[in-house]
Amino acid sequence: MKTTIKTQSNSIISFIAAGLLAVAAVAAPGVHAADQGDPLTKKVTYGDLDLNSTKGVEVLYARLRGAARDVCVPFEGRDLNYRILWDKCYDHALSAAVSAINKPAVTAFHNQAVRQGAKS
C-alpha cells in the first residue's frame, strides 16, 4: 500500500509516496497484497494561501495533517500493530508533504510541531 498526498500550488503538483506495504504485511497480517493497488492520494491545494504569513502556514499545515489522516485510513484499527502502522504512515506522509512543498516557514512550523509532540 502506498500513501500519497498531492500538494498543489497553482499548477504544480508534488507526489509523495510512502511505501508501507512490506511493513504492513509483517506487522498486520490483515493488510493483504490486494491493497497494493494505486496509491491512496489526497490533493492539497495552497495557491490561495500566503505562506509568508503565520496564518497561511498554519492553514496549510492543518490541510496537510487532514490529508495525512485521510490517506492513512487503511491502517486504522484497534489492534496495536495497526496503530503503529498508522502512526508511521501519518508521520511519513506529513513529513514528505512538508519536504515537497519546500518552504522554510512550513518546514520550521512542522519541525516545531514535531518537537512539541515529542514532549507530550
PDB file of N, CA and C in Angstrom:
ATOM      1  N   MET A   1       0.848  -1.164   0.000  1.00  0.00           N
ATOM      2  CA  MET A   1       0.000   0.000   0.000  1.00  0.00           C
ATOM      3  C   MET A   1       0.890   1.222   0.000  1.00  0.00           C
ATOM      4  N   LYS A   2       0.605   2.131  -0.849  1.00  0.00           N
ATOM      5  CA  LYS A   2       1.318   3.401  -0.870  1.00  0.00           C
ATOM      6  C   LYS A   2       0.343   4.492  -0.487  1.00  0.00           C
ATOM      7  N   THR A   3       0.848   5.469   0.225  1.00  0.00           N
ATOM      8  CA  THR A   3       0.018   6.613   0.569  1.00  0.00           C
ATOM      9  C   THR A   3       0.639   7.841  -0.047  1.00  0.00           C
ATOM     10  N   THR A   4      -0.191   8.727  -0.509  1.00  0.00           N
ATOM     11  CA  THR A   4       0.304   9.904  -1.211  1.00  0.00           C
ATOM     12  C   THR A   4      -0.520  11.120  -0.835  1.00  0.00           C
ATOM     13  N   ILE A   5       0.159  12.206  -0.644  1.00  0.00           N
ATOM     14  CA  ILE A   5      -0.515  13.494  -0.539  1.00  0.00           C
ATOM     15  C   ILE A   5      -0.033  14.290  -1.730  1.00  0.00           C
ATOM     16  N   LYS A   6      -0.960  14.797  -2.497  1.00  0.00           N
ATOM     17  CA  LYS A   6      -0.601  15.662  -3.617  1.00  0.00           C
ATOM     18  C   LYS A   6      -0.753  17.095  -3.145  1.00  0.00           C
ATOM     19  N   THR A   7       0.306  17.847  -3.242  1.00  0.00           N
ATOM     20  CA  THR A   7       0.218  19.250  -2.874  1.00  0.00           C
ATOM     21  C   THR A   7       0.210  20.058  -4.152  1.00  0.00           C
ATOM     22  N   GLN A   8      -0.681  21.028  -4.220  1.00  0.00           N
ATOM     23  CA  GLN A   8      -0.817  21.786  -5.445  1.00  0.00           C
ATOM     24  C   GLN A   8      -0.834  23.275  -5.146  1.00  0.00           C
ATOM     25  N   SER A   9       0.061  23.980  -5.785  1.00  0.00           N
ATOM     26  CA  SER A   9       0.058  25.429  -5.740  1.00  0.00           C
ATOM     27  C   SER A   9       0.064  25.884  -7.178  1.00  0.00           C
ATOM     28  N   ASN A  10      -0.949  26.615  -7.550  1.00  0.00           N
ATOM     29  CA  ASN A  10      -1.155  26.987  -8.947  1.00  0.00           C
ATOM     30  C   ASN A  10      -1.234  25.709  -9.766  1.00  0.00           C
ATOM     31  N   SER A  11      -0.299  25.470 -10.668  1.00  0.00           N
ATOM     32  CA  SER A  11      -0.392  24.269 -11.490  1.00  0.00           C
ATOM     33  C   SER A  11       0.673  23.235 -11.155  1.00  0.00           C
ATOM     34  N   ILE A  12       1.377  23.388 -10.049  1.00  0.00           N
ATOM     35  CA  ILE A  12       2.438  22.454  -9.669  1.00  0.00           C
ATOM     36  C   ILE A  12       1.864  21.407  -8.724  1.00  0.00           C
ATOM     37  N   ILE A  13       2.111  20.141  -9.032  1.00  0.00           N
ATOM     38  CA  ILE A  13       1.664  19.061  -8.165  1.00  0.00           C
ATOM     39  C   ILE A  13       2.891  18.245  -7.762  1.00  0.00           C
ATOM     40  N   SER A  14       3.046  18.029  -6.478  1.00  0.00           N
ATOM     41  CA  SER A  14       4.121  17.193  -5.967  1.00  0.00           C
ATOM     42  C   SER A  14       3.508  15.889  -5.470  1.00  0.00           C
ATOM     43  N   PHE A  15       4.094  14.767  -5.827  1.00  0.00           N
ATOM     44  CA  PHE A  15       3.617  13.470  -5.393  1.00  0.00           C
ATOM     45  C   PHE A  15       4.539  12.945  -4.296  1.00  0.00           C
ATOM     46  N   ILE A  16       3.949  12.525  -3.208  1.00  0.00           N
ATOM     47  CA  ILE A  16       4.710  11.981  -2.100  1.00  0.00           C
ATOM     48  C   ILE A  16       4.174  10.586  -1.818  1.00  0.00           C
ATOM     49  N   ALA A  17       4.993   9.583  -1.984  1.00  0.00           N
ATOM     50  CA  ALA A  17       4.530   8.219  -1.767  1.00  0.00           C
ATOM     51  C   ALA A  17       5.283   7.589  -0.606  1.00  0.00           C
ATOM     52  N   ALA A  18       4.561   6.948   0.267  1.00  0.00           N
ATOM     53  CA  ALA A  18       5.165   6.231   1.385  1.00  0.00           C
ATOM     54  C   ALA A  18       4.839   4.764   1.205  1.00  0.00           C
ATOM     55  N   GLY A  19       5.834   3.952   0.863  1.00  0.00           N
ATOM     56  CA  GLY A  19       5.609   2.524   0.662  1.00  0.00           C
ATOM     57  C   GLY A  19       5.653   1.801   1.992  1.00  0.00           C
ATOM     58  N   LEU A  20       4.498   1.444   2.521  1.00  0.00           N
ATOM     59  CA  LEU A  20       4.438   0.782   3.815  1.00  0.00           C
ATOM     60  C   LEU A  20       3.938  -0.657   3.714  1.00  0.00           C
ATOM     61  N   LEU A  21       3.751  -1.173   2.515  1.00  0.00           N
ATOM     62  CA  LEU A  21       3.169  -2.497   2.389  1.00  0.00           C
ATOM     63  C   LEU A  21       4.043  -3.572   3.018  1.00  0.00           C
ATOM     64  N   ALA A  22       5.347  -3.485   2.846  1.00  0.00           N
ATOM     65  CA  ALA A  22       6.229  -4.511   3.415  1.00  0.00           C
ATOM     66  C   ALA A  22       6.106  -4.543   4.931  1.00  0.00           C
ATOM     67  N   VAL A  23       6.087  -3.391   5.546  1.00  0.00           N
ATOM     68  CA  VAL A  23       5.926  -3.318   6.996  1.00  0.00           C
ATOM     69  C   VAL A  23       4.546  -3.820   7.381  1.00  0.00           C
ATOM     70  N   ALA A  24       3.537  -3.419   6.627  1.00  0.00           N
ATOM     71  CA  ALA A  24       2.165  -3.823   6.933  1.00  0.00           C
ATOM     72  C   ALA A  24       2.001  -5.327   6.850  1.00  0.00           C
ATOM     73  N   ALA A  25       2.602  -5.949   5.860  1.00  0.00           N
ATOM     74  CA  ALA A  25       2.461  -7.391   5.675  1.00  0.00           C
ATOM     75  C   ALA A  25       3.043  -8.157   6.857  1.00  0.00           C
ATOM     76  N   VAL A  26       4.112  -7.654   7.419  1.00  0.00           N
ATOM     77  CA  VAL A  26       4.745  -8.326   8.559  1.00  0.00           C
ATOM     78  C   VAL A  26       3.997  -8.015   9.850  1.00  0.00           C
ATOM     79  N   ALA A  27       3.682  -6.748  10.072  1.00  0.00           N
ATOM     80  CA  ALA A  27       3.123  -6.332  11.346  1.00  0.00           C
ATOM     81  C   ALA A  27       1.633  -6.564  11.468  1.00  0.00           C
ATOM     82  N   ALA A  28       0.917  -6.498  10.359  1.00  0.00           N
ATOM     83  CA  ALA A  28      -0.539  -6.636  10.407  1.00  0.00           C
ATOM     84  C   ALA A  28      -0.992  -7.564   9.297  1.00  0.00           C
ATOM     85  N   PRO A  29      -1.101  -8.841   9.594  1.00  0.00           N
ATOM     86  CA  PRO A  29      -1.475  -9.805   8.557  1.00  0.00           C
ATOM     87  C   PRO A  29      -2.779  -9.484   7.848  1.00  0.00           C
ATOM     88  N   GLY A  30      -3.628  -8.667   8.406  1.00  0.00           N
ATOM     89  CA  GLY A  30      -4.898  -8.314   7.776  1.00  0.00           C
ATOM     90  C   GLY A  30      -4.739  -7.398   6.578  1.00  0.00           C
ATOM     91  N   VAL A  31      -3.555  -6.824   6.379  1.00  0.00           N
ATOM     92  CA  VAL A  31      -3.312  -5.973   5.220  1.00  0.00           C
ATOM     93  C   VAL A  31      -2.851  -6.895   4.105  1.00  0.00           C
ATOM     94  N   HIS A  32      -3.668  -7.022   3.076  1.00  0.00           N
ATOM     95  CA  HIS A  32      -3.423  -8.007   2.026  1.00  0.00           C
ATOM     96  C   HIS A  32      -2.734  -7.410   0.819  1.00  0.00           C
ATOM     97  N   ALA A  33      -2.171  -8.256   0.007  1.00  0.00           N
ATOM     98  CA  ALA A  33      -1.500  -7.823  -1.215  1.00  0.00           C
ATOM     99  C   ALA A  33      -2.456  -7.075  -2.140  1.00  0.00           C
ATOM    100  N   ALA A  34      -3.739  -7.348  -2.037  1.00  0.00           N
ATOM    101  CA  ALA A  34      -4.710  -6.643  -2.875  1.00  0.00           C
ATOM    102  C   ALA A  34      -4.711  -5.149  -2.583  1.00  0.00           C
ATOM    103  N   ASP A  35      -4.232  -4.783  -1.403  1.00  0.00           N
ATOM    104  CA  ASP A  35      -4.173  -3.378  -1.025  1.00  0.00           C
ATOM    105  C   ASP A  35      -3.051  -2.635  -1.749  1.00  0.00           C
ATOM    106  N   GLN A  36      -2.256  -3.332  -2.558  1.00  0.00           N
ATOM    107  CA  GLN A  36      -1.118  -2.723  -3.229  1.00  0.00           C
ATOM    108  C   GLN A  36      -1.510  -1.866  -4.417  1.00  0.00           C
ATOM    109  N   GLY A  37      -2.771  -1.815  -4.788  1.00  0.00           N
ATOM    110  CA  GLY A  37      -3.200  -1.082  -5.971  1.00  0.00           C
ATOM    111  C   GLY A  37      -2.624   0.317  -6.050  1.00  0.00           C
ATOM    112  N   ASP A  38      -3.338   1.165  -6.710  1.00  0.00           N
ATOM    113  CA  ASP A  38      -2.895   2.542  -6.833  1.00  0.00           C
ATOM    114  C   ASP A  38      -2.714   3.160  -5.459  1.00  0.00           C
ATOM    115  N   PRO A  39      -1.744   4.049  -5.354  1.00  0.00           N
ATOM    116  CA  PRO A  39      -1.554   4.690  -4.057  1.00  0.00           C
ATOM    117  C   PRO A  39      -2.775   5.521  -3.678  1.00  0.00           C
ATOM    118  N   LEU A  40      -3.050   5.555  -2.397  1.00  0.00           N
ATOM    119  CA  LEU A  40      -4.110   6.431  -1.917  1.00  0.00           C
ATOM    120  C   LEU A  40      -3.581   7.853  -2.020  1.00  0.00           C
ATOM    121  N   THR A  41      -4.397   8.737  -2.510  1.00  0.00           N
ATOM    122  CA  THR A  41      -3.931  10.101  -2.706  1.00  0.00           C
ATOM    123  C   THR A  41      -4.927  11.091  -2.148  1.00  0.00           C
ATOM    124  N   LYS A  42      -4.420  12.227  -1.830  1.00  0.00           N
ATOM    125  CA  LYS A  42      -5.243  13.347  -1.384  1.00  0.00           C
ATOM    126  C   LYS A  42      -4.565  14.602  -1.903  1.00  0.00           C
ATOM    127  N   LYS A  43      -5.301  15.393  -2.653  1.00  0.00           N
ATOM    128  CA  LYS A  43      -4.752  16.633  -3.196  1.00  0.00           C
ATOM    129  C   LYS A  43      -4.935  17.742  -2.168  1.00  0.00           C
ATOM    130  N   VAL A  44      -3.866  18.480  -1.921  1.00  0.00           N
ATOM    131  CA  VAL A  44      -3.909  19.617  -1.015  1.00  0.00           C
ATOM    132  C   VAL A  44      -3.527  20.848  -1.826  1.00  0.00           C
ATOM    133  N   THR A  45      -4.460  21.758  -1.946  1.00  0.00           N
ATOM    134  CA  THR A  45      -4.174  22.996  -2.675  1.00  0.00           C
ATOM    135  C   THR A  45      -3.787  24.079  -1.679  1.00  0.00           C
ATOM    136  N   TYR A  46      -2.871  24.936  -2.112  1.00  0.00           N
ATOM    137  CA  TYR A  46      -2.475  26.031  -1.227  1.00  0.00           C
ATOM    138  C   TYR A  46      -2.140  27.299  -1.997  1.00  0.00           C
ATOM    139  N   GLY A  47      -2.570  27.371  -3.231  1.00  0.00           N
ATOM    140  CA  GLY A  47      -2.350  28.566  -4.030  1.00  0.00           C
ATOM    141  C   GLY A  47      -3.086  29.777  -3.477  1.00  0.00           C
ATOM    142  N   ASP A  48      -4.093  29.522  -2.648  1.00  0.00           N
ATOM    143  CA  ASP A  48      -4.872  30.609  -2.053  1.00  0.00           C
ATOM    144  C   ASP A  48      -4.253  31.152  -0.767  1.00  0.00           C
ATOM    145  N   LEU A  49      -3.139  30.563  -0.332  1.00  0.00           N
ATOM    146  CA  LEU A  49      -2.546  30.936   0.952  1.00  0.00           C
ATOM    147  C   LEU A  49      -1.284  31.764   0.777  1.00  0.00           C
ATOM    148  N   ASP A  50      -1.053  32.665   1.704  1.00  0.00           N
ATOM    149  CA  ASP A  50       0.187  33.437   1.761  1.00  0.00           C
ATOM    150  C   ASP A  50       1.114  32.722   2.730  1.00  0.00           C
ATOM    151  N   LEU A  51       2.079  31.988   2.186  1.00  0.00           N
ATOM    152  CA  LEU A  51       2.981  31.213   3.033  1.00  0.00           C
ATOM    153  C   LEU A  51       4.063  32.069   3.675  1.00  0.00           C
ATOM    154  N   ASN A  52       3.995  33.372   3.458  1.00  0.00           N
ATOM    155  CA  ASN A  52       4.879  34.293   4.164  1.00  0.00           C
ATOM    156  C   ASN A  52       4.230  34.776   5.461  1.00  0.00           C
ATOM    157  N   SER A  53       2.984  34.364   5.687  1.00  0.00           N
ATOM    158  CA  SER A  53       2.287  34.742   6.915  1.00  0.00           C
ATOM    159  C   SER A  53       2.126  33.513   7.808  1.00  0.00           C
ATOM    160  N   THR A  54       2.121  33.756   9.105  1.00  0.00           N
ATOM    161  CA  THR A  54       1.934  32.667  10.067  1.00  0.00           C
ATOM    162  C   THR A  54       0.589  31.998   9.852  1.00  0.00           C
ATOM    163  N   LYS A  55      -0.444  32.786   9.623  1.00  0.00           N
ATOM    164  CA  LYS A  55      -1.788  32.227   9.421  1.00  0.00           C
ATOM    165  C   LYS A  55      -1.824  31.317   8.195  1.00  0.00           C
ATOM    166  N   GLY A  56      -1.192  31.735   7.098  1.00  0.00           N
ATOM    167  CA  GLY A  56      -1.154  30.915   5.892  1.00  0.00           C
ATOM    168  C   GLY A  56      -0.465  29.586   6.130  1.00  0.00           C
ATOM    169  N   VAL A  57       0.637  29.618   6.849  1.00  0.00           N
ATOM    170  CA  VAL A  57       1.377  28.389   7.167  1.00  0.00           C
ATOM    171  C   VAL A  57       0.526  27.480   8.056  1.00  0.00           C
ATOM    172  N   GLU A  58      -0.144  28.053   9.048  1.00  0.00           N
ATOM    173  CA  GLU A  58      -0.993  27.260   9.941  1.00  0.00           C
ATOM    174  C   GLU A  58      -2.128  26.585   9.180  1.00  0.00           C
ATOM    175  N   VAL A  59      -2.747  27.323   8.276  1.00  0.00           N
ATOM    176  CA  VAL A  59      -3.857  26.758   7.494  1.00  0.00           C
ATOM    177  C   VAL A  59      -3.342  25.627   6.596  1.00  0.00           C
ATOM    178  N   LEU A  60      -2.217  25.841   5.926  1.00  0.00           N
ATOM    179  CA  LEU A  60      -1.649  24.780   5.081  1.00  0.00           C
ATOM    180  C   LEU A  60      -1.308  23.559   5.910  1.00  0.00           C
ATOM    181  N   TYR A  61      -0.697  23.761   7.054  1.00  0.00           N
ATOM    182  CA  TYR A  61      -0.303  22.622   7.888  1.00  0.00           C
ATOM    183  C   TYR A  61      -1.535  21.838   8.347  1.00  0.00           C
ATOM    184  N   ALA A  62      -2.607  22.533   8.669  1.00  0.00           N
ATOM    185  CA  ALA A  62      -3.849  21.847   9.044  1.00  0.00           C
ATOM    186  C   ALA A  62      -4.378  21.027   7.871  1.00  0.00           C
ATOM    187  N   ARG A  63      -4.289  21.561   6.670  1.00  0.00           N
ATOM    188  CA  ARG A  63      -4.727  20.822   5.475  1.00  0.00           C
ATOM    189  C   ARG A  63      -3.859  19.581   5.274  1.00  0.00           C
ATOM    190  N   LEU A  64      -2.555  19.729   5.456  1.00  0.00           N
ATOM    191  CA  LEU A  64      -1.644  18.589   5.285  1.00  0.00           C
ATOM    192  C   LEU A  64      -1.917  17.513   6.333  1.00  0.00           C
ATOM    193  N   ARG A  65      -2.175  17.921   7.555  1.00  0.00           N
ATOM    194  CA  ARG A  65      -2.487  16.949   8.604  1.00  0.00           C
ATOM    195  C   ARG A  65      -3.768  16.189   8.268  1.00  0.00           C
ATOM    196  N   GLY A  66      -4.770  16.899   7.787  1.00  0.00           N
ATOM    197  CA  GLY A  66      -6.012  16.248   7.390  1.00  0.00           C
ATOM    198  C   GLY A  66      -5.803  15.269   6.251  1.00  0.00           C
ATOM    199  N   ALA A  67      -4.986  15.663   5.284  1.00  0.00           N
ATOM    200  CA  ALA A  67      -4.697  14.779   4.146  1.00  0.00           C
ATOM    201  C   ALA A  67      -3.939  13.542   4.618  1.00  0.00           C
ATOM    202  N   ALA A  68      -2.997  13.726   5.526  1.00  0.00           N
ATOM    203  CA  ALA A  68      -2.243  12.583   6.052  1.00  0.00           C
ATOM    204  C   ALA A  68      -3.186  11.622   6.776  1.00  0.00           C
ATOM    205  N   ARG A  69      -4.118  12.154   7.548  1.00  0.00           N
ATOM    206  CA  ARG A  69      -5.100  11.281   8.211  1.00  0.00           C
ATOM    207  C   ARG A  69      -5.926  10.518   7.180  1.00  0.00           C
ATOM    208  N   ASP A  70      -6.345  11.214   6.128  1.00  0.00           N
ATOM    209  CA  ASP A  70      -7.183  10.579   5.099  1.00  0.00           C
ATOM    210  C   ASP A  70      -6.453   9.456   4.374  1.00  0.00           C
ATOM    211  N   VAL A  71      -5.198   9.681   3.970  1.00  0.00           N
ATOM    212  CA  VAL A  71      -4.506   8.647   3.202  1.00  0.00           C
ATOM    213  C   VAL A  71      -4.085   7.467   4.069  1.00  0.00           C
ATOM    214  N   CYS A  72      -4.075   7.644   5.365  1.00  0.00           N
ATOM    215  CA  CYS A  72      -3.658   6.556   6.250  1.00  0.00           C
ATOM    216  C   CYS A  72      -4.825   5.765   6.835  1.00  0.00           C
ATOM    217  N   VAL A  73      -6.044   6.070   6.390  1.00  0.00           N
ATOM    218  CA  VAL A  73      -7.237   5.382   6.893  1.00  0.00           C
ATOM    219  C   VAL A  73      -7.114   3.856   6.816  1.00  0.00           C
ATOM    220  N   PRO A  74      -6.531   3.266   5.768  1.00  0.00           N
ATOM    221  CA  PRO A  74      -6.463   1.802   5.731  1.00  0.00           C
ATOM    222  C   PRO A  74      -5.699   1.185   6.903  1.00  0.00           C
ATOM    223  N   PHE A  75      -4.930   1.985   7.608  1.00  0.00           N
ATOM    224  CA  PHE A  75      -4.157   1.467   8.733  1.00  0.00           C
ATOM    225  C   PHE A  75      -4.851   1.704  10.072  1.00  0.00           C
ATOM    226  N   GLU A  76      -6.065   2.244  10.052  1.00  0.00           N
ATOM    227  CA  GLU A  76      -6.779   2.458  11.306  1.00  0.00           C
ATOM    228  C   GLU A  76      -7.258   1.130  11.860  1.00  0.00           C
ATOM    229  N   GLY A  77      -7.250   1.037  13.146  1.00  0.00           N
ATOM    230  CA  GLY A  77      -7.744  -0.158  13.804  1.00  0.00           C
ATOM    231  C   GLY A  77      -7.408  -0.116  15.276  1.00  0.00           C
ATOM    232  N   ARG A  78      -8.048  -0.976  16.012  1.00  0.00           N
ATOM    233  CA  ARG A  78      -7.821  -1.022  17.462  1.00  0.00           C
ATOM    234  C   ARG A  78      -6.585  -1.823  17.814  1.00  0.00           C
ATOM    235  N   ASP A  79      -6.174  -2.676  16.927  1.00  0.00           N
ATOM    236  CA  ASP A  79      -5.009  -3.512  17.148  1.00  0.00           C
ATOM    237  C   ASP A  79      -3.754  -2.640  17.236  1.00  0.00           C
ATOM    238  N   LEU A  80      -2.882  -2.954  18.159  1.00  0.00           N
ATOM    239  CA  LEU A  80      -1.660  -2.174  18.357  1.00  0.00           C
ATOM    240  C   LEU A  80      -0.805  -2.143  17.094  1.00  0.00           C
ATOM    241  N   ASN A  81      -0.753  -3.244  16.358  1.00  0.00           N
ATOM    242  CA  ASN A  81       0.031  -3.267  15.118  1.00  0.00           C
ATOM    243  C   ASN A  81      -0.488  -2.245  14.114  1.00  0.00           C
ATOM    244  N   TYR A  82      -1.792  -2.128  14.018  1.00  0.00           N
ATOM    245  CA  TYR A  82      -2.366  -1.142  13.104  1.00  0.00           C
ATOM    246  C   TYR A  82      -2.077   0.276  13.593  1.00  0.00           C
ATOM    247  N   ARG A  83      -2.129   0.478  14.890  1.00  0.00           N
ATOM    248  CA  ARG A  83      -1.847   1.813  15.431  1.00  0.00           C
ATOM    249  C   ARG A  83      -0.409   2.227  15.104  1.00  0.00           C
ATOM    250  N   ILE A  84       0.505   1.299  15.229  1.00  0.00           N
ATOM    251  CA  ILE A  84       1.907   1.576  14.897  1.00  0.00           C
ATOM    252  C   ILE A  84       2.039   1.910  13.414  1.00  0.00           C
ATOM    253  N   LEU A  85       1.377   1.126  12.563  1.00  0.00           N
ATOM    254  CA  LEU A  85       1.415   1.389  11.123  1.00  0.00           C
ATOM    255  C   LEU A  85       0.790   2.734  10.793  1.00  0.00           C
ATOM    256  N   TRP A  86      -0.343   3.046  11.430  1.00  0.00           N
ATOM    257  CA  TRP A  86      -0.998   4.323  11.175  1.00  0.00           C
ATOM    258  C   TRP A  86      -0.082   5.475  11.572  1.00  0.00           C
ATOM    259  N   ASP A  87       0.545   5.373  12.720  1.00  0.00           N
ATOM    260  CA  ASP A  87       1.461   6.428  13.171  1.00  0.00           C
ATOM    261  C   ASP A  87       2.607   6.617  12.182  1.00  0.00           C
ATOM    262  N   LYS A  88       3.183   5.516  11.720  1.00  0.00           N
ATOM    263  CA  LYS A  88       4.287   5.607  10.752  1.00  0.00           C
ATOM    264  C   LYS A  88       3.808   6.217   9.440  1.00  0.00           C
ATOM    265  N   CYS A  89       2.662   5.771   8.971  1.00  0.00           N
ATOM    266  CA  CYS A  89       2.094   6.291   7.728  1.00  0.00           C
ATOM    267  C   CYS A  89       1.860   7.793   7.848  1.00  0.00           C
ATOM    268  N   TYR A  90       1.202   8.201   8.912  1.00  0.00           N
ATOM    269  CA  TYR A  90       0.866   9.605   9.131  1.00  0.00           C
ATOM    270  C   TYR A  90       2.131  10.463   9.208  1.00  0.00           C
ATOM    271  N   ASP A  91       3.076  10.037  10.034  1.00  0.00           N
ATOM    272  CA  ASP A  91       4.316  10.802  10.196  1.00  0.00           C
ATOM    273  C   ASP A  91       5.064  10.935   8.873  1.00  0.00           C
ATOM    274  N   HIS A  92       5.137   9.836   8.134  1.00  0.00           N
ATOM    275  CA  HIS A  92       5.874   9.870   6.869  1.00  0.00           C
ATOM    276  C   HIS A  92       5.145  10.712   5.824  1.00  0.00           C
ATOM    277  N   ALA A  93       3.847  10.532   5.719  1.00  0.00           N
ATOM    278  CA  ALA A  93       3.085  11.296   4.721  1.00  0.00           C
ATOM    279  C   ALA A  93       3.186  12.792   5.001  1.00  0.00           C
ATOM    280  N   LEU A  94       3.062  13.180   6.263  1.00  0.00           N
ATOM    281  CA  LEU A  94       3.130  14.595   6.621  1.00  0.00           C
ATOM    282  C   LEU A  94       4.534  15.151   6.379  1.00  0.00           C
ATOM    283  N   SER A  95       5.549  14.430   6.806  1.00  0.00           N
ATOM    284  CA  SER A  95       6.931  14.890   6.602  1.00  0.00           C
ATOM    285  C   SER A  95       7.279  14.991   5.122  1.00  0.00           C
ATOM    286  N   ALA A  96       6.843  14.009   4.351  1.00  0.00           N
ATOM    287  CA  ALA A  96       7.135  14.015   2.917  1.00  0.00           C
ATOM    288  C   ALA A  96       6.434  15.182   2.221  1.00  0.00           C
ATOM    289  N   ALA A  97       5.209  15.477   2.630  1.00  0.00           N
ATOM    290  CA  ALA A  97       4.480  16.593   2.027  1.00  0.00           C
ATOM    291  C   ALA A  97       5.160  17.916   2.365  1.00  0.00           C
ATOM    292  N   VAL A  98       5.587  18.079   3.602  1.00  0.00           N
ATOM    293  CA  VAL A  98       6.290  19.304   4.006  1.00  0.00           C
ATOM    294  C   VAL A  98       7.575  19.448   3.209  1.00  0.00           C
ATOM    295  N   SER A  99       8.304  18.355   3.039  1.00  0.00           N
ATOM    296  CA  SER A  99       9.543  18.396   2.253  1.00  0.00           C
ATOM    297  C   SER A  99       9.277  18.769   0.800  1.00  0.00           C
ATOM    298  N   ALA A 100       8.213  18.229   0.240  1.00  0.00           N
ATOM    299  CA  ALA A 100       7.889  18.505  -1.163  1.00  0.00           C
ATOM    300  C   ALA A 100       7.509  19.969  -1.370  1.00  0.00           C
ATOM    301  N   ILE A 101       6.845  20.554  -0.395  1.00  0.00           N
ATOM    302  CA  ILE A 101       6.464  21.963  -0.509  1.00  0.00           C
ATOM    303  C   ILE A 101       7.707  22.838  -0.485  1.00  0.00           C
ATOM    304  N   ASN A 102       8.680  22.447   0.326  1.00  0.00           N
ATOM    305  CA  ASN A 102       9.999  23.082   0.340  1.00  0.00           C
ATOM    306  C   ASN A 102       9.938  24.595   0.586  1.00  0.00           C
ATOM    307  N   LYS A 103       9.179  24.963   1.595  1.00  0.00           N
ATOM    308  CA  LYS A 103       9.087  26.363   2.026  1.00  0.00           C
ATOM    309  C   LYS A 103       9.628  26.437   3.446  1.00  0.00           C
ATOM    310  N   PRO A 104      10.638  27.262   3.701  1.00  0.00           N
ATOM    311  CA  PRO A 104      11.254  27.314   5.037  1.00  0.00           C
ATOM    312  C   PRO A 104      10.259  27.531   6.174  1.00  0.00           C
ATOM    313  N   ALA A 105       9.268  28.377   5.981  1.00  0.00           N
ATOM    314  CA  ALA A 105       8.311  28.647   7.057  1.00  0.00           C
ATOM    315  C   ALA A 105       7.475  27.406   7.376  1.00  0.00           C
ATOM    316  N   VAL A 106       7.116  26.641   6.355  1.00  0.00           N
ATOM    317  CA  VAL A 106       6.323  25.423   6.562  1.00  0.00           C
ATOM    318  C   VAL A 106       7.185  24.365   7.247  1.00  0.00           C
ATOM    319  N   THR A 107       8.422  24.239   6.808  1.00  0.00           N
ATOM    320  CA  THR A 107       9.341  23.280   7.419  1.00  0.00           C
ATOM    321  C   THR A 107       9.582  23.625   8.883  1.00  0.00           C
ATOM    322  N   ALA A 108       9.806  24.894   9.180  1.00  0.00           N
ATOM    323  CA  ALA A 108      10.027  25.319  10.561  1.00  0.00           C
ATOM    324  C   ALA A 108       8.795  25.028  11.426  1.00  0.00           C
ATOM    325  N   PHE A 109       7.610  25.294  10.888  1.00  0.00           N
ATOM    326  CA  PHE A 109       6.378  25.031  11.619  1.00  0.00           C
ATOM    327  C   PHE A 109       6.242  23.542  11.909  1.00  0.00           C
ATOM    328  N   HIS A 110       6.526  22.725  10.908  1.00  0.00           N
ATOM    329  CA  HIS A 110       6.454  21.265  11.072  1.00  0.00           C
ATOM    330  C   HIS A 110       7.457  20.790  12.123  1.00  0.00           C
ATOM    331  N   ASN A 111       8.695  21.273  12.023  1.00  0.00           N
ATOM    332  CA  ASN A 111       9.722  20.859  12.983  1.00  0.00           C
ATOM    333  C   ASN A 111       9.325  21.231  14.408  1.00  0.00           C
ATOM    334  N   GLN A 112       8.733  22.398  14.579  1.00  0.00           N
ATOM    335  CA  GLN A 112       8.283  22.823  15.904  1.00  0.00           C
ATOM    336  C   GLN A 112       7.146  21.923  16.385  1.00  0.00           C
ATOM    337  N   ALA A 113       6.221  21.603  15.507  1.00  0.00           N
ATOM    338  CA  ALA A 113       5.105  20.728  15.879  1.00  0.00           C
ATOM    339  C   ALA A 113       5.606  19.348  16.280  1.00  0.00           C
ATOM    340  N   VAL A 114       6.594  18.825  15.563  1.00  0.00           N
ATOM    341  CA  VAL A 114       7.159  17.507  15.885  1.00  0.00           C
ATOM    342  C   VAL A 114       7.845  17.554  17.245  1.00  0.00           C
ATOM    343  N   ARG A 115       8.620  18.615  17.491  1.00  0.00           N
ATOM    344  CA  ARG A 115       9.299  18.740  18.790  1.00  0.00           C
ATOM    345  C   ARG A 115       8.277  18.828  19.921  1.00  0.00           C
ATOM    346  N   GLN A 116       7.232  19.589  19.733  1.00  0.00           N
ATOM    347  CA  GLN A 116       6.207  19.721  20.775  1.00  0.00           C
ATOM    348  C   GLN A 116       5.480  18.408  21.000  1.00  0.00           C
ATOM    349  N   GLY A 117       5.256  17.667  19.915  1.00  0.00           N
ATOM    350  CA  GLY A 117       4.603  16.367  20.036  1.00  0.00           C
ATOM    351  C   GLY A 117       5.458  15.374  20.785  1.00  0.00           C
ATOM    352  N   ALA A 118       6.766  15.479  20.636  1.00  0.00           N
ATOM    353  CA  ALA A 118       7.695  14.565  21.327  1.00  0.00           C
ATOM    354  C   ALA A 118       7.698  14.832  22.830  1.00  0.00           C
ATOM    355  N   LYS A 119       7.393  16.064  23.212  1.00  0.00           N
ATOM    356  CA  LYS A 119       7.372  16.413  24.641  1.00  0.00           C
ATOM    357  C   LYS A 119       6.111  15.924  25.329  1.00  0.00           C
ATOM    358  N   SER A 120       5.062  15.681  24.548  1.00  0.00           N
ATOM    359  CA  SER A 120       3.772  15.290  25.145  1.00  0.00           C
ATOM    360  C   SER A 120       3.790  13.872  25.634  1.00  0.00           C
TER     361      SER A 120
END
